[in-house]
Structure formats: structure tokens, C-alpha cells
């Protein structure tokens, strides 16, 4: 019960969430409506042959979903955990010479079920990192000539932390674990 508030139609259940700055938002409502069936003289014949008035149930669906996504975006400030991020890994090439390896890494990530994109633009790697960070991509896999020669990837987290020289297979395994277990903190946190 909410003190001082009366539902016009009848008893109701409200689900409310608190957002990132402490405001309460009503996400969904389910309530009985005792007025409209009476007002519209709605009736049905029950199995015993008696005329009865139906119970009407209202529920909010579409507004609830929109509010939920709004609160979710606000809560994470757009920096979703890996399992929820639209792009989970952005592969960044340092020069044109890593294009083929970058495409192969993206293909491996995607075939493992991860959402990955390739940034092979003719830009400095710093600009690519900045853009991926602004897009709030959780992980950037950076490929340069030394990485390809070593068979590794330099990994950068969106918060700026770096993991040098990780094998692509290990990268994929750890990212899949993080996504599968719906972890909120990166598996590469240490």
C-alpha cells in the first residue's frame, strides 16, 4: 500500500526501481478494475448458468519496457557490461598491414558468438582508441606488427587498463566466460 494514494480502479501492484540519482520510477503496474466492467455492463454466463460480472485486469507493458531501458541506460551511463554491450570487442589495426589479421580475429570472435567489429580506418591508433572509448566498447583488441609476429593481441579495456600480449584463444575464452556468467566486472580486472 502506498499511503495517500488511491487507485481509481481497484487494488494494484506497482513495481518501482530507483535510478542512478535516487529517483523512483514506476516500471510496471498490474491492477484490478472494478469500475469499467460495471460501467459497460459487462457480463458472462458462468458454468452454473448464472450471469456474473468479470474481473478486468489492467497492466502496463510498453511504457514499462521503455522506462526500464531508459533506467538501464542511465544506470550504466551507456557503458554496458560485456554481455549487454551492442559491440563487445572492437579490433583496431595499427596499419594497413594488419588488415587480414584483423579480419581473421573478428571472424574468430564472431564465430565464438561475440559481437565484434573491425576498425581499419586510415587513422592513428590513438584516434581509434578514443572513438571506441567514446562508443563505450568494453574491449579493444589492438593488432600491430609485433602482436602479429608474436601471435598475440594487445588488449585495452574501456577504462584505459591494458593487458599486453594475450593469445586470441585465451581472449575469446575469457570474454565468453564473462558474457556467459553475466559478470559486471571485467575478467581482466587485475
N, C-alpha and C. Protein backbone atom coordinates (compact mmCIF):
# COMPACT_ATOMS: atom_id res chain seq x y z
N UNK A 1 0.84 -1.18 0.00
CA UNK A 1 0.00 0.00 0.00
C UNK A 1 0.88 1.24 0.00
N UNK A 2 0.44 2.21 -0.76
CA UNK A 2 1.16 3.48 -0.81
C UNK A 2 0.31 4.50 -0.07
N UNK A 3 0.77 5.00 1.08
CA UNK A 3 -0.02 5.95 1.86
C UNK A 3 -0.35 7.20 1.04
N UNK A 4 -1.60 7.64 1.14
CA UNK A 4 -2.03 8.85 0.46
C UNK A 4 -2.34 8.66 -1.01
N UNK A 5 -2.22 7.45 -1.51
CA UNK A 5 -2.51 7.22 -2.93
C UNK A 5 -3.64 6.21 -3.03
N UNK A 6 -4.62 6.55 -3.84
CA UNK A 6 -5.74 5.64 -4.05
C UNK A 6 -5.83 5.31 -5.52
N UNK A 7 -5.92 4.05 -5.83
CA UNK A 7 -6.10 3.62 -7.21
C UNK A 7 -7.58 3.75 -7.55
N UNK A 8 -7.88 4.42 -8.62
CA UNK A 8 -9.26 4.65 -9.02
C UNK A 8 -9.99 3.35 -9.33
N UNK A 9 -9.31 2.42 -9.98
CA UNK A 9 -9.97 1.22 -10.46
C UNK A 9 -10.09 0.13 -9.42
N UNK A 10 -9.16 0.02 -8.52
CA UNK A 10 -9.13 -1.07 -7.55
C UNK A 10 -7.71 -1.32 -7.10
N UNK A 11 -7.47 -2.43 -6.41
CA UNK A 11 -6.12 -2.70 -5.91
C UNK A 11 -5.12 -2.89 -7.04
N UNK A 12 -3.89 -2.46 -6.79
CA UNK A 12 -2.87 -2.59 -7.83
C UNK A 12 -1.51 -2.92 -7.23
N UNK A 13 -0.66 -3.45 -8.09
CA UNK A 13 0.73 -3.73 -7.74
C UNK A 13 1.59 -2.87 -8.65
N UNK A 14 2.45 -2.07 -8.05
CA UNK A 14 3.40 -1.25 -8.80
C UNK A 14 4.80 -1.80 -8.56
N UNK A 15 5.59 -1.87 -9.62
CA UNK A 15 6.99 -2.24 -9.49
C UNK A 15 7.78 -0.97 -9.77
N UNK A 16 8.59 -0.56 -8.80
CA UNK A 16 9.37 0.66 -8.95
C UNK A 16 10.85 0.35 -8.80
N UNK A 17 11.66 1.05 -9.57
CA UNK A 17 13.12 0.95 -9.47
C UNK A 17 13.67 2.32 -9.14
N UNK A 18 14.79 2.32 -8.46
CA UNK A 18 15.48 3.56 -8.13
C UNK A 18 16.59 3.75 -9.16
N UNK A 19 16.65 4.94 -9.77
CA UNK A 19 17.66 5.19 -10.80
C UNK A 19 18.99 5.60 -10.17
N UNK A 20 19.94 5.94 -11.04
CA UNK A 20 21.31 6.24 -10.61
C UNK A 20 21.40 7.45 -9.69
N UNK A 21 20.40 8.33 -9.73
CA UNK A 21 20.45 9.52 -8.87
C UNK A 21 19.37 9.50 -7.79
N UNK A 22 18.84 8.31 -7.53
CA UNK A 22 17.94 8.14 -6.40
C UNK A 22 16.46 8.37 -6.65
N UNK A 23 16.06 8.58 -7.89
CA UNK A 23 14.64 8.79 -8.18
C UNK A 23 13.94 7.45 -8.36
N UNK A 24 12.70 7.38 -7.90
CA UNK A 24 11.90 6.16 -8.07
C UNK A 24 11.10 6.26 -9.37
N UNK A 25 11.14 5.20 -10.16
CA UNK A 25 10.41 5.14 -11.42
C UNK A 25 9.48 3.94 -11.40
N UNK A 26 8.24 4.17 -11.77
CA UNK A 26 7.28 3.08 -11.87
C UNK A 26 7.54 2.34 -13.17
N UNK A 27 7.87 1.07 -13.07
CA UNK A 27 8.17 0.29 -14.27
C UNK A 27 6.97 -0.47 -14.78
N UNK A 28 6.23 -1.07 -13.91
CA UNK A 28 5.06 -1.80 -14.40
C UNK A 28 3.97 -1.77 -13.35
N UNK A 29 2.77 -1.98 -13.82
CA UNK A 29 1.60 -1.96 -12.96
C UNK A 29 0.67 -3.08 -13.38
N UNK A 30 0.11 -3.73 -12.40
CA UNK A 30 -0.97 -4.69 -12.62
C UNK A 30 -2.05 -4.30 -11.63
N UNK A 31 -3.27 -4.12 -12.12
CA UNK A 31 -4.33 -3.76 -11.19
C UNK A 31 -5.68 -4.29 -11.62
N UNK A 32 -6.52 -4.53 -10.64
CA UNK A 32 -7.90 -4.92 -10.90
C UNK A 32 -8.71 -3.67 -11.18
N UNK A 33 -9.64 -3.78 -12.11
CA UNK A 33 -10.54 -2.68 -12.44
C UNK A 33 -11.95 -3.13 -12.11
N UNK A 34 -12.51 -2.56 -11.04
CA UNK A 34 -13.87 -2.90 -10.64
C UNK A 34 -14.89 -1.95 -11.26
N UNK A 35 -14.44 -0.83 -11.85
CA UNK A 35 -15.37 0.18 -12.37
C UNK A 35 -15.82 -0.08 -13.80
N UNK A 36 -14.90 -0.33 -14.71
CA UNK A 36 -15.28 -0.44 -16.12
C UNK A 36 -16.21 -1.62 -16.41
N UNK A 37 -16.03 -2.79 -15.84
CA UNK A 37 -16.99 -3.86 -16.12
C UNK A 37 -18.42 -3.47 -15.71
N UNK A 38 -18.52 -2.74 -14.60
CA UNK A 38 -19.84 -2.29 -14.15
C UNK A 38 -20.38 -1.20 -15.07
N UNK A 39 -19.52 -0.22 -15.39
CA UNK A 39 -19.93 0.91 -16.23
C UNK A 39 -20.40 0.45 -17.60
N UNK A 40 -19.72 -0.53 -18.18
CA UNK A 40 -20.10 -1.02 -19.50
C UNK A 40 -21.05 -2.22 -19.44
N UNK A 41 -21.51 -2.52 -18.23
CA UNK A 41 -22.46 -3.60 -18.01
C UNK A 41 -21.97 -4.92 -18.62
N UNK A 42 -20.71 -5.21 -18.37
CA UNK A 42 -20.13 -6.44 -18.89
C UNK A 42 -20.58 -7.62 -18.05
N UNK A 43 -20.94 -8.69 -18.72
CA UNK A 43 -21.36 -9.91 -18.03
C UNK A 43 -20.94 -11.12 -18.83
N UNK A 44 -20.91 -12.25 -18.16
CA UNK A 44 -20.70 -13.52 -18.83
C UNK A 44 -21.56 -14.55 -18.13
N UNK A 45 -21.78 -15.66 -18.80
CA UNK A 45 -22.56 -16.74 -18.20
C UNK A 45 -21.58 -17.78 -17.68
N UNK A 46 -21.63 -18.00 -16.39
CA UNK A 46 -20.72 -18.95 -15.74
C UNK A 46 -21.18 -20.38 -16.02
N UNK A 47 -20.35 -21.32 -15.65
CA UNK A 47 -20.66 -22.74 -15.90
C UNK A 47 -21.92 -23.19 -15.17
N UNK A 48 -22.30 -22.46 -14.12
CA UNK A 48 -23.53 -22.82 -13.40
C UNK A 48 -24.77 -22.15 -13.99
N UNK A 49 -24.58 -21.41 -15.11
CA UNK A 49 -25.70 -20.75 -15.78
C UNK A 49 -26.01 -19.37 -15.23
N UNK A 50 -25.31 -18.93 -14.22
CA UNK A 50 -25.54 -17.62 -13.62
C UNK A 50 -24.80 -16.54 -14.40
N UNK A 51 -25.42 -15.35 -14.47
CA UNK A 51 -24.76 -14.18 -15.08
C UNK A 51 -23.84 -13.57 -14.02
N UNK A 52 -22.60 -13.33 -14.43
CA UNK A 52 -21.63 -12.77 -13.49
C UNK A 52 -20.86 -11.64 -14.16
N UNK A 53 -20.36 -10.75 -13.31
CA UNK A 53 -19.56 -9.64 -13.80
C UNK A 53 -18.09 -10.08 -13.82
N UNK A 54 -17.40 -9.86 -14.93
CA UNK A 54 -15.99 -10.29 -14.99
C UNK A 54 -15.09 -9.35 -14.19
N UNK A 55 -13.94 -9.87 -13.83
CA UNK A 55 -12.89 -9.03 -13.26
C UNK A 55 -12.01 -8.57 -14.43
N UNK A 56 -11.70 -7.31 -14.45
CA UNK A 56 -10.84 -6.78 -15.51
C UNK A 56 -9.47 -6.51 -14.89
N UNK A 57 -8.43 -6.89 -15.61
CA UNK A 57 -7.07 -6.67 -15.14
C UNK A 57 -6.37 -5.73 -16.11
N UNK A 58 -5.85 -4.63 -15.58
CA UNK A 58 -5.04 -3.70 -16.38
C UNK A 58 -3.58 -4.03 -16.13
N UNK A 59 -2.78 -3.88 -17.16
CA UNK A 59 -1.35 -3.99 -16.96
C UNK A 59 -0.65 -3.06 -17.93
N UNK A 60 0.42 -2.44 -17.46
CA UNK A 60 1.22 -1.55 -18.29
C UNK A 60 2.35 -2.37 -18.88
N UNK A 61 2.51 -2.35 -20.18
CA UNK A 61 3.55 -3.15 -20.81
C UNK A 61 4.54 -2.27 -21.56
N UNK A 62 4.09 -1.54 -22.58
CA UNK A 62 5.04 -0.82 -23.44
C UNK A 62 5.76 0.31 -22.71
N UNK A 63 5.05 1.10 -21.96
CA UNK A 63 5.71 2.15 -21.20
C UNK A 63 6.70 1.58 -20.21
N UNK A 64 6.36 0.42 -19.66
CA UNK A 64 7.25 -0.22 -18.70
C UNK A 64 8.58 -0.60 -19.34
N UNK A 65 8.52 -1.16 -20.53
CA UNK A 65 9.74 -1.57 -21.24
C UNK A 65 10.59 -0.35 -21.57
N UNK A 66 9.94 0.71 -22.06
CA UNK A 66 10.68 1.93 -22.40
C UNK A 66 11.34 2.53 -21.16
N UNK A 67 10.60 2.61 -20.06
CA UNK A 67 11.18 3.15 -18.83
C UNK A 67 12.32 2.26 -18.33
N UNK A 68 12.15 0.95 -18.44
CA UNK A 68 13.20 0.03 -18.00
C UNK A 68 14.49 0.28 -18.78
N UNK A 69 14.38 0.39 -20.11
CA UNK A 69 15.59 0.63 -20.90
C UNK A 69 16.19 1.99 -20.59
N UNK A 70 15.35 2.98 -20.37
CA UNK A 70 15.86 4.30 -20.00
C UNK A 70 16.65 4.26 -18.71
N UNK A 71 16.11 3.57 -17.72
CA UNK A 71 16.80 3.45 -16.43
C UNK A 71 18.08 2.63 -16.57
N UNK A 72 18.03 1.57 -17.38
CA UNK A 72 19.21 0.74 -17.60
C UNK A 72 20.33 1.54 -18.26
N UNK A 73 19.99 2.30 -19.28
CA UNK A 73 20.99 3.12 -19.97
C UNK A 73 21.56 4.16 -19.02
N UNK A 74 20.68 4.80 -18.26
CA UNK A 74 21.13 5.81 -17.31
C UNK A 74 22.01 5.20 -16.22
N UNK A 75 21.62 4.04 -15.72
CA UNK A 75 22.38 3.39 -14.65
C UNK A 75 23.82 3.10 -15.09
N UNK A 76 23.97 2.59 -16.28
CA UNK A 76 25.31 2.25 -16.78
C UNK A 76 25.97 3.40 -17.52
N UNK A 77 25.28 4.53 -17.64
CA UNK A 77 25.80 5.68 -18.41
C UNK A 77 26.22 5.23 -19.80
N UNK A 78 25.52 4.24 -20.34
CA UNK A 78 25.82 3.73 -21.67
C UNK A 78 26.95 2.72 -21.72
N UNK A 79 27.71 2.59 -20.63
CA UNK A 79 28.85 1.66 -20.58
C UNK A 79 28.36 0.31 -20.05
N UNK A 80 27.67 -0.42 -20.91
CA UNK A 80 27.06 -1.68 -20.50
C UNK A 80 28.10 -2.74 -20.19
N UNK A 81 27.74 -3.68 -19.30
CA UNK A 81 28.64 -4.83 -19.11
C UNK A 81 28.77 -5.59 -20.42
N UNK A 82 29.81 -6.37 -20.53
CA UNK A 82 30.13 -7.08 -21.77
C UNK A 82 28.93 -7.81 -22.35
N UNK A 83 28.21 -8.57 -21.53
CA UNK A 83 27.11 -9.40 -22.03
C UNK A 83 25.98 -8.59 -22.62
N UNK A 84 25.88 -7.30 -22.27
CA UNK A 84 24.78 -6.46 -22.73
C UNK A 84 25.21 -5.46 -23.80
N UNK A 85 26.51 -5.25 -23.95
CA UNK A 85 27.02 -4.25 -24.88
C UNK A 85 26.70 -4.62 -26.33
N UNK A 86 26.24 -3.65 -27.13
CA UNK A 86 25.94 -3.95 -28.53
C UNK A 86 27.18 -4.40 -29.31
N UNK A 87 28.31 -3.74 -29.08
CA UNK A 87 29.60 -4.17 -29.63
C UNK A 87 30.46 -4.52 -28.43
N UNK A 88 30.89 -5.77 -28.36
CA UNK A 88 31.64 -6.25 -27.20
C UNK A 88 33.14 -6.05 -27.36
N UNK A 89 33.63 -6.20 -28.58
CA UNK A 89 35.06 -6.07 -28.86
C UNK A 89 35.22 -5.30 -30.16
N UNK A 90 36.10 -4.31 -30.14
CA UNK A 90 36.45 -3.63 -31.38
C UNK A 90 37.91 -3.95 -31.65
N UNK A 91 38.18 -4.52 -32.80
CA UNK A 91 39.54 -4.86 -33.21
C UNK A 91 40.10 -3.65 -33.95
N UNK A 92 41.24 -3.16 -33.48
CA UNK A 92 41.87 -1.97 -34.05
C UNK A 92 43.20 -2.36 -34.69
N UNK A 93 43.35 -2.01 -35.95
CA UNK A 93 44.63 -2.26 -36.62
C UNK A 93 45.48 -0.99 -36.53
N UNK A 94 46.79 -1.18 -36.39
CA UNK A 94 47.68 -0.03 -36.31
C UNK A 94 47.99 0.49 -37.71
N UNK A 95 48.23 -0.42 -38.65
CA UNK A 95 48.48 -0.02 -40.04
C UNK A 95 47.68 -0.94 -40.96
N UNK A 96 47.75 -0.65 -42.22
CA UNK A 96 47.07 -1.46 -43.23
C UNK A 96 47.61 -2.89 -43.27
N UNK A 97 48.84 -3.06 -42.80
CA UNK A 97 49.47 -4.38 -42.82
C UNK A 97 48.80 -5.39 -41.90
N UNK A 98 47.96 -4.94 -41.00
CA UNK A 98 47.28 -5.86 -40.08
C UNK A 98 45.83 -6.13 -40.48
N UNK A 99 45.43 -5.65 -41.65
CA UNK A 99 44.03 -5.79 -42.07
C UNK A 99 43.58 -7.25 -42.11
N UNK A 100 44.36 -8.10 -42.74
CA UNK A 100 43.98 -9.51 -42.87
C UNK A 100 43.89 -10.18 -41.50
N UNK A 101 44.87 -9.92 -40.63
CA UNK A 101 44.84 -10.50 -39.28
C UNK A 101 43.66 -9.95 -38.49
N UNK A 102 43.34 -8.67 -38.68
CA UNK A 102 42.20 -8.07 -38.00
C UNK A 102 40.89 -8.70 -38.44
N UNK A 103 40.76 -8.93 -39.74
CA UNK A 103 39.55 -9.59 -40.26
C UNK A 103 39.43 -11.01 -39.71
N UNK A 104 40.56 -11.70 -39.63
CA UNK A 104 40.54 -13.08 -39.11
C UNK A 104 40.16 -13.09 -37.63
N UNK A 105 40.66 -12.13 -36.86
CA UNK A 105 40.32 -12.07 -35.43
C UNK A 105 38.84 -11.76 -35.25
N UNK A 106 38.31 -10.83 -36.02
CA UNK A 106 36.88 -10.51 -35.95
C UNK A 106 36.06 -11.75 -36.30
N UNK A 107 36.47 -12.47 -37.32
CA UNK A 107 35.75 -13.70 -37.72
C UNK A 107 35.77 -14.72 -36.58
N UNK A 108 36.92 -14.86 -35.92
CA UNK A 108 37.02 -15.81 -34.79
C UNK A 108 36.12 -15.39 -33.63
N UNK A 109 36.14 -14.10 -33.32
CA UNK A 109 35.30 -13.59 -32.23
C UNK A 109 33.82 -13.82 -32.54
N UNK A 110 33.44 -13.49 -33.76
CA UNK A 110 32.03 -13.66 -34.16
C UNK A 110 31.62 -15.12 -34.19
N UNK A 111 32.50 -15.99 -34.68
CA UNK A 111 32.13 -17.41 -34.74
C UNK A 111 32.01 -18.00 -33.33
N UNK A 112 32.65 -17.37 -32.35
CA UNK A 112 32.52 -17.81 -30.96
C UNK A 112 31.25 -17.24 -30.32
N UNK A 113 30.56 -16.35 -31.05
CA UNK A 113 29.31 -15.78 -30.53
C UNK A 113 29.47 -14.41 -29.91
N UNK A 114 30.62 -13.79 -30.09
CA UNK A 114 30.85 -12.45 -29.56
C UNK A 114 30.53 -11.41 -30.63
N UNK A 115 30.07 -10.24 -30.19
CA UNK A 115 29.76 -9.16 -31.12
C UNK A 115 31.02 -8.31 -31.29
N UNK A 116 31.62 -8.39 -32.46
CA UNK A 116 32.90 -7.72 -32.71
C UNK A 116 32.85 -6.95 -34.02
N UNK A 117 33.56 -5.82 -34.03
CA UNK A 117 33.70 -5.00 -35.23
C UNK A 117 35.19 -4.73 -35.46
N UNK A 118 35.51 -4.36 -36.68
CA UNK A 118 36.88 -4.05 -37.07
C UNK A 118 36.97 -2.57 -37.40
N UNK A 119 37.97 -1.89 -36.84
CA UNK A 119 38.26 -0.50 -37.20
C UNK A 119 39.60 -0.51 -37.93
N UNK A 120 39.52 -0.49 -39.25
CA UNK A 120 40.74 -0.50 -40.08
C UNK A 120 40.88 0.83 -40.83
N UNK A 121 40.27 1.88 -40.29
CA UNK A 121 40.36 3.19 -40.94
C UNK A 121 41.81 3.66 -41.01
N UNK A 122 42.07 4.55 -41.91
CA UNK A 122 43.41 5.14 -42.04
C UNK A 122 43.53 6.29 -41.06
N UNK A 123 43.49 5.94 -39.79
CA UNK A 123 43.61 6.90 -38.69
C UNK A 123 44.71 6.40 -37.76
N UNK A 124 45.23 7.30 -36.95
CA UNK A 124 46.20 6.87 -35.94
C UNK A 124 45.47 6.00 -34.92
N UNK A 125 46.21 5.06 -34.33
CA UNK A 125 45.59 4.13 -33.39
C UNK A 125 45.00 4.88 -32.19
N UNK A 126 45.61 6.00 -31.81
CA UNK A 126 45.07 6.80 -30.71
C UNK A 126 43.67 7.31 -31.00
N UNK A 127 43.43 7.70 -32.25
CA UNK A 127 42.10 8.17 -32.65
C UNK A 127 41.10 7.01 -32.61
N UNK A 128 41.55 5.84 -33.03
CA UNK A 128 40.67 4.66 -33.00
C UNK A 128 40.32 4.28 -31.55
N UNK A 129 41.32 4.35 -30.67
CA UNK A 129 41.08 4.06 -29.25
C UNK A 129 40.10 5.08 -28.68
N UNK A 130 40.32 6.35 -28.98
CA UNK A 130 39.42 7.40 -28.49
C UNK A 130 37.99 7.15 -28.95
N UNK A 131 37.82 6.84 -30.23
CA UNK A 131 36.48 6.61 -30.77
C UNK A 131 35.81 5.40 -30.12
N UNK A 132 36.55 4.31 -29.97
CA UNK A 132 35.98 3.12 -29.33
C UNK A 132 35.64 3.39 -27.87
N UNK A 133 36.46 4.20 -27.21
CA UNK A 133 36.19 4.56 -25.81
C UNK A 133 34.93 5.42 -25.73
N UNK A 134 34.78 6.37 -26.64
CA UNK A 134 33.58 7.21 -26.66
C UNK A 134 32.33 6.38 -26.97
N UNK A 135 32.51 5.33 -27.77
CA UNK A 135 31.39 4.43 -28.07
C UNK A 135 31.12 3.47 -26.91
N UNK A 136 31.97 3.51 -25.90
CA UNK A 136 31.86 2.69 -24.69
C UNK A 136 31.93 1.20 -24.97
N UNK A 137 32.76 0.84 -25.94
CA UNK A 137 33.01 -0.57 -26.25
C UNK A 137 33.83 -1.15 -25.10
N UNK A 138 33.41 -2.27 -24.51
CA UNK A 138 34.12 -2.81 -23.34
C UNK A 138 35.59 -3.15 -23.59
N UNK A 139 35.89 -3.74 -24.76
CA UNK A 139 37.25 -4.19 -25.03
C UNK A 139 37.70 -3.76 -26.42
N UNK A 140 38.98 -3.35 -26.49
CA UNK A 140 39.62 -3.05 -27.76
C UNK A 140 40.79 -4.01 -27.92
N UNK A 141 40.79 -4.76 -29.00
CA UNK A 141 41.89 -5.68 -29.31
C UNK A 141 42.75 -4.99 -30.36
N UNK A 142 43.97 -4.64 -29.98
CA UNK A 142 44.84 -3.86 -30.85
C UNK A 142 45.87 -4.78 -31.49
N UNK A 143 45.94 -4.68 -32.82
CA UNK A 143 46.86 -5.52 -33.59
C UNK A 143 47.89 -4.64 -34.28
N UNK A 144 49.15 -4.87 -33.93
CA UNK A 144 50.25 -4.22 -34.61
C UNK A 144 51.19 -5.28 -35.16
N UNK A 145 52.25 -4.87 -35.85
CA UNK A 145 53.18 -5.84 -36.43
C UNK A 145 53.81 -6.77 -35.39
N UNK A 146 54.16 -6.23 -34.22
CA UNK A 146 54.77 -7.06 -33.17
C UNK A 146 53.77 -8.08 -32.62
N UNK A 147 52.51 -7.66 -32.50
CA UNK A 147 51.48 -8.58 -32.00
C UNK A 147 51.30 -9.75 -32.96
N UNK A 148 51.24 -9.43 -34.24
CA UNK A 148 51.04 -10.48 -35.24
C UNK A 148 52.23 -11.44 -35.24
N UNK A 149 53.44 -10.88 -35.15
CA UNK A 149 54.64 -11.73 -35.13
C UNK A 149 54.65 -12.65 -33.91
N UNK A 150 54.12 -12.16 -32.78
CA UNK A 150 54.10 -12.96 -31.55
C UNK A 150 52.85 -13.84 -31.45
N UNK A 151 51.90 -13.65 -32.36
CA UNK A 151 50.66 -14.42 -32.31
C UNK A 151 49.76 -14.01 -31.14
N UNK A 152 49.85 -12.73 -30.77
CA UNK A 152 49.07 -12.23 -29.63
C UNK A 152 48.28 -10.98 -30.02
N UNK A 153 47.54 -10.48 -29.06
CA UNK A 153 46.74 -9.27 -29.21
C UNK A 153 47.03 -8.39 -28.00
N UNK A 154 47.15 -7.09 -28.21
CA UNK A 154 47.23 -6.16 -27.08
C UNK A 154 45.80 -5.75 -26.76
N UNK A 155 45.39 -5.95 -25.53
CA UNK A 155 44.01 -5.68 -25.14
C UNK A 155 43.94 -4.41 -24.31
N UNK A 156 42.94 -3.61 -24.58
CA UNK A 156 42.70 -2.39 -23.81
C UNK A 156 41.25 -2.40 -23.36
N UNK A 157 41.04 -2.13 -22.08
CA UNK A 157 39.69 -2.03 -21.54
C UNK A 157 39.20 -0.60 -21.71
N UNK A 158 37.90 -0.41 -21.71
CA UNK A 158 37.37 0.93 -21.94
C UNK A 158 37.78 1.92 -20.86
N UNK A 159 38.18 1.42 -19.67
CA UNK A 159 38.62 2.33 -18.60
C UNK A 159 40.11 2.68 -18.73
N UNK A 160 40.77 2.20 -19.78
CA UNK A 160 42.16 2.55 -20.03
C UNK A 160 43.17 1.50 -19.61
N UNK A 161 42.76 0.53 -18.79
CA UNK A 161 43.70 -0.52 -18.39
C UNK A 161 44.10 -1.34 -19.60
N UNK A 162 45.33 -1.87 -19.55
CA UNK A 162 45.85 -2.61 -20.69
C UNK A 162 46.32 -4.00 -20.27
N UNK A 163 46.13 -4.94 -21.19
CA UNK A 163 46.60 -6.31 -21.00
C UNK A 163 47.48 -6.61 -22.21
N UNK A 164 48.80 -6.62 -22.03
CA UNK A 164 49.67 -6.86 -23.19
C UNK A 164 49.76 -8.35 -23.54
N UNK A 165 49.91 -8.61 -24.81
CA UNK A 165 50.25 -9.94 -25.30
C UNK A 165 49.38 -11.09 -24.84
N UNK A 166 48.12 -11.09 -25.19
CA UNK A 166 47.25 -12.21 -24.85
C UNK A 166 46.94 -13.00 -26.13
N UNK A 167 46.96 -14.30 -26.02
CA UNK A 167 46.66 -15.15 -27.19
C UNK A 167 45.18 -15.00 -27.54
N UNK A 168 44.85 -14.96 -28.83
CA UNK A 168 43.45 -14.81 -29.23
C UNK A 168 42.53 -15.87 -28.62
N UNK A 169 43.01 -17.11 -28.51
CA UNK A 169 42.18 -18.18 -27.93
C UNK A 169 41.87 -17.90 -26.46
N UNK A 170 42.86 -17.40 -25.73
CA UNK A 170 42.65 -17.06 -24.32
C UNK A 170 41.70 -15.87 -24.19
N UNK A 171 41.87 -14.89 -25.07
CA UNK A 171 40.98 -13.73 -25.09
C UNK A 171 39.53 -14.18 -25.27
N UNK A 172 39.30 -15.00 -26.27
CA UNK A 172 37.94 -15.47 -26.57
C UNK A 172 37.38 -16.26 -25.39
N UNK A 173 38.17 -17.15 -24.80
CA UNK A 173 37.70 -17.96 -23.67
C UNK A 173 37.31 -17.08 -22.49
N UNK A 174 38.13 -16.08 -22.18
CA UNK A 174 37.82 -15.21 -21.03
C UNK A 174 36.61 -14.33 -21.31
N UNK A 175 36.49 -13.83 -22.53
CA UNK A 175 35.33 -13.00 -22.86
C UNK A 175 34.05 -13.81 -22.84
N UNK A 176 34.11 -15.04 -23.33
CA UNK A 176 32.92 -15.91 -23.29
C UNK A 176 32.52 -16.20 -21.85
N UNK A 177 33.49 -16.41 -20.98
CA UNK A 177 33.19 -16.64 -19.56
C UNK A 177 32.50 -15.42 -18.96
N UNK A 178 33.05 -14.24 -19.24
CA UNK A 178 32.46 -13.01 -18.72
C UNK A 178 31.04 -12.81 -19.23
N UNK A 179 30.83 -13.06 -20.51
CA UNK A 179 29.49 -12.89 -21.10
C UNK A 179 28.53 -13.95 -20.59
N UNK A 180 28.96 -15.19 -20.54
CA UNK A 180 28.10 -16.30 -20.13
C UNK A 180 27.66 -16.16 -18.68
N UNK A 181 28.58 -15.74 -17.82
CA UNK A 181 28.28 -15.61 -16.39
C UNK A 181 27.68 -14.26 -16.05
N UNK A 182 27.50 -13.42 -17.07
CA UNK A 182 26.92 -12.08 -16.90
C UNK A 182 27.61 -11.30 -15.78
N UNK A 183 28.93 -11.35 -15.83
CA UNK A 183 29.72 -10.64 -14.82
C UNK A 183 29.60 -9.14 -15.04
N UNK A 184 29.62 -8.39 -13.94
CA UNK A 184 29.54 -6.94 -14.04
C UNK A 184 30.92 -6.30 -14.09
N UNK A 185 31.93 -7.00 -13.55
CA UNK A 185 33.30 -6.50 -13.60
C UNK A 185 34.07 -7.28 -14.67
N UNK A 186 34.96 -6.61 -15.39
CA UNK A 186 35.73 -7.30 -16.43
C UNK A 186 36.56 -8.45 -15.87
N UNK A 187 36.69 -9.53 -16.65
CA UNK A 187 37.52 -10.66 -16.23
C UNK A 187 39.00 -10.27 -16.23
N UNK A 188 39.33 -9.20 -16.91
CA UNK A 188 40.71 -8.74 -16.97
C UNK A 188 40.95 -7.62 -15.95
N UNK A 189 40.19 -7.61 -14.86
CA UNK A 189 40.26 -6.53 -13.87
C UNK A 189 41.61 -6.44 -13.17
N UNK A 190 42.30 -7.54 -13.00
CA UNK A 190 43.57 -7.48 -12.26
C UNK A 190 44.73 -7.24 -13.18
